[in-house]
């Protein structure tokens, strides 16, 4: 499976930051981002990537 690391803004829009093949690697990336602090106006999320 392929996973996408996305940033979600307060207005609901999302942007893909990076794609991963391994869920654990994607989760580690989010952990490193949140280690710098929890922003109030955005969220980082991981979702399953769908082929177009």
C-alpha atoms as a PDB file:
ATOM      1  CA  UNK A   1       0.000   0.000   0.000  1.00  0.00           C
ATOM      2  CA  UNK A   2       1.001   3.593  -0.504  1.00  0.00           C
ATOM      3  CA  UNK A   3       0.399   6.364   2.010  1.00  0.00           C
ATOM      4  CA  UNK A   4       0.307  10.156   1.690  1.00  0.00           C
ATOM      5  CA  UNK A   5       1.384  12.639   4.324  1.00  0.00           C
ATOM      6  CA  UNK A   6      -0.937  15.621   4.022  1.00  0.00           C
ATOM      7  CA  UNK A   7      -1.275  18.985   5.658  1.00  0.00           C
ATOM      8  CA  UNK A   8      -4.841  20.061   6.409  1.00  0.00           C
ATOM      9  CA  UNK A   9      -5.564  23.741   6.880  1.00  0.00           C
ATOM     10  CA  UNK A  10      -8.254  25.305   9.070  1.00  0.00           C
ATOM     11  CA  UNK A  11     -10.443  25.993   6.021  1.00  0.00           C
ATOM     12  CA  UNK A  12     -10.505  22.258   5.187  1.00  0.00           C
ATOM     13  CA  UNK A  13      -8.160  22.275   2.210  1.00  0.00           C
ATOM     14  CA  UNK A  14      -5.469  19.632   2.030  1.00  0.00           C
ATOM     15  CA  UNK A  15      -2.105  19.412   0.327  1.00  0.00           C
ATOM     16  CA  UNK A  16       0.003  16.280  -0.131  1.00  0.00           C
ATOM     17  CA  UNK A  17       3.483  16.806   1.272  1.00  0.00           C
ATOM     18  CA  UNK A  18       5.038  13.421   0.627  1.00  0.00           C
ATOM     19  CA  UNK A  19       4.204   9.836  -0.318  1.00  0.00           C
ATOM     20  CA  UNK A  20       5.380   6.708   1.514  1.00  0.00           C
ATOM     21  CA  UNK A  21       5.283   2.971   0.897  1.00  0.00           C
ATOM     22  CA  UNK A  22       5.438   2.102   4.598  1.00  0.00           C
ATOM     23  CA  UNK A  23       2.887   3.341   7.131  1.00  0.00           C
ATOM     24  CA  UNK A  24       5.375   3.233  10.000  1.00  0.00           C
ATOM     25  CA  UNK A  25       7.765   5.543   8.135  1.00  0.00           C
ATOM     26  CA  UNK A  26       4.923   7.985   7.497  1.00  0.00           C
ATOM     27  CA  UNK A  27       3.948   7.907  11.180  1.00  0.00           C
ATOM     28  CA  UNK A  28       7.547   8.591  12.206  1.00  0.00           C
ATOM     29  CA  UNK A  29       7.594  11.614   9.912  1.00  0.00           C
ATOM     30  CA  UNK A  30       4.437  12.995  11.567  1.00  0.00           C
ATOM     31  CA  UNK A  31       5.972  12.370  14.992  1.00  0.00           C
ATOM     32  CA  UNK A  32       9.027  14.417  14.001  1.00  0.00           C
ATOM     33  CA  UNK A  33       6.833  17.246  12.716  1.00  0.00           C
ATOM     34  CA  UNK A  34       4.763  17.353  15.913  1.00  0.00           C
ATOM     35  CA  UNK A  35       7.904  17.165  18.061  1.00  0.00           C
ATOM     36  CA  UNK A  36       8.453  20.793  17.069  1.00  0.00           C
ATOM     37  CA  UNK A  37       5.081  21.732  18.615  1.00  0.00           C
ATOM     38  CA  UNK A  38       1.394  21.456  17.826  1.00  0.00           C
ATOM     39  CA  UNK A  39       0.239  24.208  15.464  1.00  0.00           C
ATOM     40  CA  UNK A  40      -3.276  25.518  16.030  1.00  0.00           C
ATOM     41  CA  UNK A  41      -4.197  26.271  12.417  1.00  0.00           C
ATOM     42  CA  UNK A  42      -3.028  23.102  10.616  1.00  0.00           C
ATOM     43  CA  UNK A  43      -3.004  19.343  11.076  1.00  0.00           C
ATOM     44  CA  UNK A  44      -0.764  16.664   9.621  1.00  0.00           C
ATOM     45  CA  UNK A  45      -2.513  13.475   8.599  1.00  0.00           C
ATOM     46  CA  UNK A  46      -1.766  10.232   6.828  1.00  0.00           C
ATOM     47  CA  UNK A  47      -4.175   8.781   4.336  1.00  0.00           C
ATOM     48  CA  UNK A  48      -4.216   5.868   1.952  1.00  0.00           C
ATOM     49  CA  UNK A  49      -3.064   6.940  -1.506  1.00  0.00           C
ATOM     50  CA  UNK A  50      -5.373   6.026  -4.356  1.00  0.00           C
ATOM     51  CA  UNK A  51      -4.128   5.412  -7.867  1.00  0.00           C
ATOM     52  CA  UNK A  52      -5.616   7.701 -10.480  1.00  0.00           C
END
